[in-house]
Amino acid sequence: GALSALGFLVAPPSFESVRSYPGELARLEWD
């Protein structure tokens, strides 16, 4: 009944970044 609280204690610090750079893979510049 209290498992969500336990999950808070084992979670890692984390941050996600997302950027847009669209295009066909064959034509993108990998650099």
All heavy atoms as atom14 arrays in JSON, in Angstrom:
{
  "sequence": "GALSALGFLVAPPSFESVRSYPGELARLEWD",
  "atom14_mask": [
    [1, 1, 1, 1, 0, 0, 0, 0, 0, 0, 0, 0, 0, 0],
    [1, 1, 1, 1, 1, 0, 0, 0, 0, 0, 0, 0, 0, 0],
    [1, 1, 1, 1, 1, 1, 1, 1, 0, 0, 0, 0, 0, 0],
    [1, 1, 1, 1, 1, 1, 0, 0, 0, 0, 0, 0, 0, 0],
    [1, 1, 1, 1, 1, 0, 0, 0, 0, 0, 0, 0, 0, 0],
    [1, 1, 1, 1, 1, 1, 1, 1, 0, 0, 0, 0, 0, 0],
    [1, 1, 1, 1, 0, 0, 0, 0, 0, 0, 0, 0, 0, 0],
    [1, 1, 1, 1, 1, 1, 1, 1, 1, 1, 1, 0, 0, 0],
    [1, 1, 1, 1, 1, 1, 1, 1, 0, 0, 0, 0, 0, 0],
    [1, 1, 1, 1, 1, 1, 1, 0, 0, 0, 0, 0, 0, 0],
    [1, 1, 1, 1, 1, 0, 0, 0, 0, 0, 0, 0, 0, 0],
    [1, 1, 1, 1, 1, 1, 1, 0, 0, 0, 0, 0, 0, 0],
    [1, 1, 1, 1, 1, 1, 1, 0, 0, 0, 0, 0, 0, 0],
    [1, 1, 1, 1, 1, 1, 0, 0, 0, 0, 0, 0, 0, 0],
    [1, 1, 1, 1, 1, 1, 1, 1, 1, 1, 1, 0, 0, 0],
    [1, 1, 1, 1, 1, 1, 1, 1, 1, 0, 0, 0, 0, 0],
    [1, 1, 1, 1, 1, 1, 0, 0, 0, 0, 0, 0, 0, 0],
    [1, 1, 1, 1, 1, 1, 1, 0, 0, 0, 0, 0, 0, 0],
    [1, 1, 1, 1, 1, 1, 1, 1, 1, 1, 1, 0, 0, 0],
    [1, 1, 1, 1, 1, 1, 0, 0, 0, 0, 0, 0, 0, 0],
    [1, 1, 1, 1, 1, 1, 1, 1, 1, 1, 1, 1, 0, 0],
    [1, 1, 1, 1, 1, 1, 1, 0, 0, 0, 0, 0, 0, 0],
    [1, 1, 1, 1, 0, 0, 0, 0, 0, 0, 0, 0, 0, 0],
    [1, 1, 1, 1, 1, 1, 1, 1, 1, 0, 0, 0, 0, 0],
    [1, 1, 1, 1, 1, 1, 1, 1, 0, 0, 0, 0, 0, 0],
    [1, 1, 1, 1, 1, 0, 0, 0, 0, 0, 0, 0, 0, 0],
    [1, 1, 1, 1, 1, 1, 1, 1, 1, 1, 1, 0, 0, 0],
    [1, 1, 1, 1, 1, 1, 1, 1, 0, 0, 0, 0, 0, 0],
    [1, 1, 1, 1, 1, 1, 1, 1, 1, 0, 0, 0, 0, 0],
    [1, 1, 1, 1, 1, 1, 1, 1, 1, 1, 1, 1, 1, 1],
    [1, 1, 1, 1, 1, 1, 1, 1, 0, 0, 0, 0, 0, 0]
  ],
  "atom14_positions": [
    [[0.79, -1.22, 0.0], [0.0, 0.0, 0.0], [0.82, 1.27, 0.0], [0.3, 2.35, -0.29], [0.0, 0.0, 0.0], [0.0, 0.0, 0.0], [0.0, 0.0, 0.0], [0.0, 0.0, 0.0], [0.0, 0.0, 0.0], [0.0, 0.0, 0.0], [0.0, 0.0, 0.0], [0.0, 0.0, 0.0], [0.0, 0.0, 0.0], [0.0, 0.0, 0.0]],
    [[2.1, 1.17, 0.3], [2.97, 2.35, 0.35], [4.13, 2.25, -0.63], [5.16, 2.88, -0.46], [3.52, 2.53, 1.77], [0.0, 0.0, 0.0], [0.0, 0.0, 0.0], [0.0, 0.0, 0.0], [0.0, 0.0, 0.0], [0.0, 0.0, 0.0], [0.0, 0.0, 0.0], [0.0, 0.0, 0.0], [0.0, 0.0, 0.0], [0.0, 0.0, 0.0]],
    [[3.94, 1.47, -1.71], [5.06, 1.2, -2.61], [5.5, 2.45, -3.37], [6.69, 2.59, -3.7], [4.68, 0.1, -3.59], [5.88, -0.57, -4.28], [6.67, -1.38, -3.27], [5.43, -1.47, -5.43], [0.0, 0.0, 0.0], [0.0, 0.0, 0.0], [0.0, 0.0, 0.0], [0.0, 0.0, 0.0], [0.0, 0.0, 0.0], [0.0, 0.0, 0.0]],
    [[4.59, 3.36, -3.68], [4.99, 4.57, -4.41], [6.01, 5.37, -3.61], [6.95, 5.94, -4.18], [3.76, 5.43, -4.72], [2.94, 4.81, -5.68], [0.0, 0.0, 0.0], [0.0, 0.0, 0.0], [0.0, 0.0, 0.0], [0.0, 0.0, 0.0], [0.0, 0.0, 0.0], [0.0, 0.0, 0.0], [0.0, 0.0, 0.0], [0.0, 0.0, 0.0]],
    [[5.85, 5.44, -2.31], [6.82, 6.17, -1.48], [8.18, 5.5, -1.54], [9.22, 6.17, -1.59], [6.31, 6.23, -0.03], [0.0, 0.0, 0.0], [0.0, 0.0, 0.0], [0.0, 0.0, 0.0], [0.0, 0.0, 0.0], [0.0, 0.0, 0.0], [0.0, 0.0, 0.0], [0.0, 0.0, 0.0], [0.0, 0.0, 0.0], [0.0, 0.0, 0.0]],
    [[8.21, 4.16, -1.57], [9.47, 3.45, -1.67], [10.15, 3.75, -3.0], [11.37, 3.89, -3.07], [9.23, 1.94, -1.53], [10.46, 1.03, -1.63], [11.43, 1.36, -0.5], [10.06, -0.43, -1.57], [0.0, 0.0, 0.0], [0.0, 0.0, 0.0], [0.0, 0.0, 0.0], [0.0, 0.0, 0.0], [0.0, 0.0, 0.0], [0.0, 0.0, 0.0]],
    [[9.36, 3.87, -4.06], [9.92, 4.18, -5.37], [10.64, 5.52, -5.39], [11.64, 5.69, -6.09], [0.0, 0.0, 0.0], [0.0, 0.0, 0.0], [0.0, 0.0, 0.0], [0.0, 0.0, 0.0], [0.0, 0.0, 0.0], [0.0, 0.0, 0.0], [0.0, 0.0, 0.0], [0.0, 0.0, 0.0], [0.0, 0.0, 0.0], [0.0, 0.0, 0.0]],
    [[10.15, 6.49, -4.61], [10.81, 7.78, -4.54], [12.23, 7.64, -3.99], [13.12, 8.41, -4.35], [10.02, 8.74, -3.64], [8.84, 9.38, -4.33], [8.03, 8.66, -5.17], [8.55, 10.71, -4.1], [6.94, 9.25, -5.8], [7.47, 11.33, -4.73], [6.66, 10.59, -5.58], [0.0, 0.0, 0.0], [0.0, 0.0, 0.0], [0.0, 0.0, 0.0]],
    [[12.43, 6.67, -3.12], [13.73, 6.52, -2.46], [14.76, 5.83, -3.34], [15.96, 5.92, -3.07], [13.56, 5.72, -1.16], [12.63, 6.36, -0.1], [12.52, 5.46, 1.11], [13.15, 7.73, 0.3], [0.0, 0.0, 0.0], [0.0, 0.0, 0.0], [0.0, 0.0, 0.0], [0.0, 0.0, 0.0], [0.0, 0.0, 0.0], [0.0, 0.0, 0.0]],
    [[14.34, 5.11, -4.37], [15.29, 4.36, -5.19], [15.49, 4.99, -6.57], [16.31, 4.53, -7.35], [14.83, 2.9, -5.37], [14.71, 2.21, -4.02], [13.52, 2.81, -6.14], [0.0, 0.0, 0.0], [0.0, 0.0, 0.0], [0.0, 0.0, 0.0], [0.0, 0.0, 0.0], [0.0, 0.0, 0.0], [0.0, 0.0, 0.0], [0.0, 0.0, 0.0]],
    [[14.75, 6.05, -6.88], [14.86, 6.68, -8.2], [16.19, 7.41, -8.34], [16.68, 8.03, -7.39], [13.7, 7.65, -8.41], [0.0, 0.0, 0.0], [0.0, 0.0, 0.0], [0.0, 0.0, 0.0], [0.0, 0.0, 0.0], [0.0, 0.0, 0.0], [0.0, 0.0, 0.0], [0.0, 0.0, 0.0], [0.0, 0.0, 0.0], [0.0, 0.0, 0.0]],
    [[16.78, 7.4, -9.54], [18.02, 8.14, -9.75], [17.75, 9.59, -10.12], [16.71, 9.89, -10.72], [18.65, 7.4, -10.95], [17.46, 6.94, -11.74], [16.39, 6.61, -10.71], [0.0, 0.0, 0.0], [0.0, 0.0, 0.0], [0.0, 0.0, 0.0], [0.0, 0.0, 0.0], [0.0, 0.0, 0.0], [0.0, 0.0, 0.0], [0.0, 0.0, 0.0]],
    [[18.65, 10.51, -9.8], [18.53, 11.85, -10.37], [18.63, 11.77, -11.89], [19.47, 11.04, -12.43], [19.72, 12.6, -9.77], [20.12, 11.81, -8.56], [19.79, 10.39, -8.89], [0.0, 0.0, 0.0], [0.0, 0.0, 0.0], [0.0, 0.0, 0.0], [0.0, 0.0, 0.0], [0.0, 0.0, 0.0], [0.0, 0.0, 0.0], [0.0, 0.0, 0.0]],
    [[17.77, 12.47, -12.59], [17.73, 12.33, -14.05], [17.18, 13.6, -14.68], [16.39, 14.31, -14.06], [16.86, 11.12, -14.43], [16.75, 10.98, -15.83], [0.0, 0.0, 0.0], [0.0, 0.0, 0.0], [0.0, 0.0, 0.0], [0.0, 0.0, 0.0], [0.0, 0.0, 0.0], [0.0, 0.0, 0.0], [0.0, 0.0, 0.0], [0.0, 0.0, 0.0]],
    [[17.61, 13.85, -15.91], [17.08, 14.98, -16.68], [17.15, 14.63, -18.15], [18.15, 14.08, -18.63], [17.85, 16.27, -16.41], [17.22, 17.48, -17.06], [16.16, 18.12, -16.45], [17.68, 17.95, -18.28], [15.57, 19.23, -17.04], [17.09, 19.05, -18.88], [16.04, 19.7, -18.26], [0.0, 0.0, 0.0], [0.0, 0.0, 0.0], [0.0, 0.0, 0.0]],
    [[16.07, 14.93, -18.86], [16.0, 14.62, -20.29], [15.94, 15.9, -21.1], [15.15, 16.81, -20.8], [14.78, 13.75, -20.6], [14.64, 13.45, -22.08], [13.49, 12.49, -22.38], [13.46, 11.41, -21.76], [12.64, 12.83, -23.22], [0.0, 0.0, 0.0], [0.0, 0.0, 0.0], [0.0, 0.0, 0.0], [0.0, 0.0, 0.0], [0.0, 0.0, 0.0]],
    [[16.78, 15.98, -22.14], [16.77, 17.1, -23.07], [16.33, 16.61, -24.43], [16.71, 15.51, -24.86], [18.17, 17.72, -23.18], [18.64, 18.16, -21.93], [0.0, 0.0, 0.0], [0.0, 0.0, 0.0], [0.0, 0.0, 0.0], [0.0, 0.0, 0.0], [0.0, 0.0, 0.0], [0.0, 0.0, 0.0], [0.0, 0.0, 0.0], [0.0, 0.0, 0.0]],
    [[15.53, 17.4, -25.13], [15.04, 17.07, -26.45], [15.25, 18.25, -27.38], [14.94, 19.39, -27.0], [13.54, 16.69, -26.43], [13.08, 16.26, -27.82], [13.27, 15.59, -25.43], [0.0, 0.0, 0.0], [0.0, 0.0, 0.0], [0.0, 0.0, 0.0], [0.0, 0.0, 0.0], [0.0, 0.0, 0.0], [0.0, 0.0, 0.0], [0.0, 0.0, 0.0]],
    [[15.78, 17.99, -28.57], [15.96, 19.04, -29.56], [15.46, 18.54, -30.91], [15.61, 17.37, -31.26], [17.44, 19.43, -29.67], [18.03, 20.03, -28.41], [17.71, 21.5, -28.27], [18.42, 22.29, -29.24], [19.66, 22.74, -29.1], [20.34, 22.44, -27.99], [20.22, 23.48, -30.03], [0.0, 0.0, 0.0], [0.0, 0.0, 0.0], [0.0, 0.0, 0.0]],
    [[14.9, 19.45, -31.67], [14.4, 19.11, -33.0], [15.49, 19.32, -34.04], [16.14, 20.37, -34.07], [13.18, 19.98, -33.34], [12.74, 19.74, -34.66], [0.0, 0.0, 0.0], [0.0, 0.0, 0.0], [0.0, 0.0, 0.0], [0.0, 0.0, 0.0], [0.0, 0.0, 0.0], [0.0, 0.0, 0.0], [0.0, 0.0, 0.0], [0.0, 0.0, 0.0]],
    [[15.72, 18.33, -34.89], [16.62, 18.44, -36.04], [16.12, 17.43, -37.07], [16.64, 16.33, -37.2], [18.06, 18.15, -35.64], [19.06, 18.32, -36.78], [19.03, 19.45, -37.6], [20.02, 17.35, -37.02], [19.94, 19.6, -38.63], [20.94, 17.49, -38.04], [20.88, 18.62, -38.85], [21.79, 18.76, -39.89], [0.0, 0.0, 0.0], [0.0, 0.0, 0.0]],
    [[15.03, 17.78, -37.79], [14.38, 16.82, -38.67], [15.1, 16.68, -40.01], [15.84, 17.56, -40.43], [12.99, 17.43, -38.86], [13.21, 18.9, -38.73], [14.31, 19.07, -37.74], [0.0, 0.0, 0.0], [0.0, 0.0, 0.0], [0.0, 0.0, 0.0], [0.0, 0.0, 0.0], [0.0, 0.0, 0.0], [0.0, 0.0, 0.0], [0.0, 0.0, 0.0]],
    [[14.82, 15.54, -40.65], [15.35, 15.29, -41.98], [15.55, 13.82, -42.23], [15.59, 13.01, -41.3], [0.0, 0.0, 0.0], [0.0, 0.0, 0.0], [0.0, 0.0, 0.0], [0.0, 0.0, 0.0], [0.0, 0.0, 0.0], [0.0, 0.0, 0.0], [0.0, 0.0, 0.0], [0.0, 0.0, 0.0], [0.0, 0.0, 0.0], [0.0, 0.0, 0.0]],
    [[15.66, 13.46, -43.5], [15.91, 12.06, -43.84], [17.3, 11.67, -43.35], [18.27, 12.43, -43.49], [15.8, 11.85, -45.35], [14.39, 11.99, -45.9], [14.32, 11.64, -47.37], [15.26, 10.98, -47.86], [13.32, 12.0, -48.02], [0.0, 0.0, 0.0], [0.0, 0.0, 0.0], [0.0, 0.0, 0.0], [0.0, 0.0, 0.0], [0.0, 0.0, 0.0]],
    [[17.41, 10.46, -42.79], [18.69, 10.02, -42.24], [19.79, 10.07, -43.28], [20.92, 10.47, -42.99], [18.56, 8.59, -41.69], [17.87, 8.43, -40.33], [17.95, 6.99, -39.88], [18.5, 9.33, -39.29], [0.0, 0.0, 0.0], [0.0, 0.0, 0.0], [0.0, 0.0, 0.0], [0.0, 0.0, 0.0], [0.0, 0.0, 0.0], [0.0, 0.0, 0.0]],
    [[19.48, 9.66, -44.49], [20.51, 9.58, -45.53], [21.06, 10.95, -45.9], [22.14, 11.05, -46.51], [19.94, 8.89, -46.77], [0.0, 0.0, 0.0], [0.0, 0.0, 0.0], [0.0, 0.0, 0.0], [0.0, 0.0, 0.0], [0.0, 0.0, 0.0], [0.0, 0.0, 0.0], [0.0, 0.0, 0.0], [0.0, 0.0, 0.0], [0.0, 0.0, 0.0]],
    [[20.37, 12.03, -45.54], [20.79, 13.36, -45.94], [21.26, 14.22, -44.77], [21.7, 15.36, -44.98], [19.64, 14.07, -46.65], [19.17, 13.35, -47.92], [18.04, 14.11, -48.58], [17.57, 13.41, -49.79], [16.59, 13.85, -50.57], [15.97, 15.0, -50.28], [16.23, 13.17, -51.64], [0.0, 0.0, 0.0], [0.0, 0.0, 0.0], [0.0, 0.0, 0.0]],
    [[21.18, 13.71, -43.56], [21.59, 14.5, -42.4], [23.11, 14.55, -42.27], [23.81, 13.6, -42.67], [21.0, 13.91, -41.12], [19.5, 14.12, -40.88], [19.08, 13.43, -39.59], [19.16, 15.6, -40.81], [0.0, 0.0, 0.0], [0.0, 0.0, 0.0], [0.0, 0.0, 0.0], [0.0, 0.0, 0.0], [0.0, 0.0, 0.0], [0.0, 0.0, 0.0]],
    [[23.61, 15.61, -41.7], [25.03, 15.74, -41.41], [25.29, 15.24, -39.99], [24.81, 15.81, -39.02], [25.47, 17.21, -41.53], [25.35, 17.78, -42.94], [25.87, 19.2, -43.0], [26.48, 19.66, -41.99], [25.65, 19.86, -44.02], [0.0, 0.0, 0.0], [0.0, 0.0, 0.0], [0.0, 0.0, 0.0], [0.0, 0.0, 0.0], [0.0, 0.0, 0.0]],
    [[26.04, 14.15, -39.89], [26.26, 13.56, -38.57], [27.03, 14.49, -37.64], [26.82, 14.5, -36.43], [26.96, 12.22, -38.69], [27.11, 11.57, -37.36], [28.24, 11.39, -36.65], [26.05, 11.05, -36.56], [27.98, 10.78, -35.45], [26.62, 10.56, -35.37], [24.67, 10.95, -36.74], [25.87, 9.99, -34.37], [23.92, 10.37, -35.73], [24.52, 9.89, -34.56]],
    [[27.94, 15.29, -38.18], [28.67, 16.22, -37.32], [27.72, 17.19, -36.63], [27.89, 17.53, -35.46], [29.69, 17.0, -38.16], [30.86, 16.13, -38.6], [31.03, 15.05, -38.0], [31.57, 16.52, -39.54], [0.0, 0.0, 0.0], [0.0, 0.0, 0.0], [0.0, 0.0, 0.0], [0.0, 0.0, 0.0], [0.0, 0.0, 0.0], [0.0, 0.0, 0.0]]
  ]
}
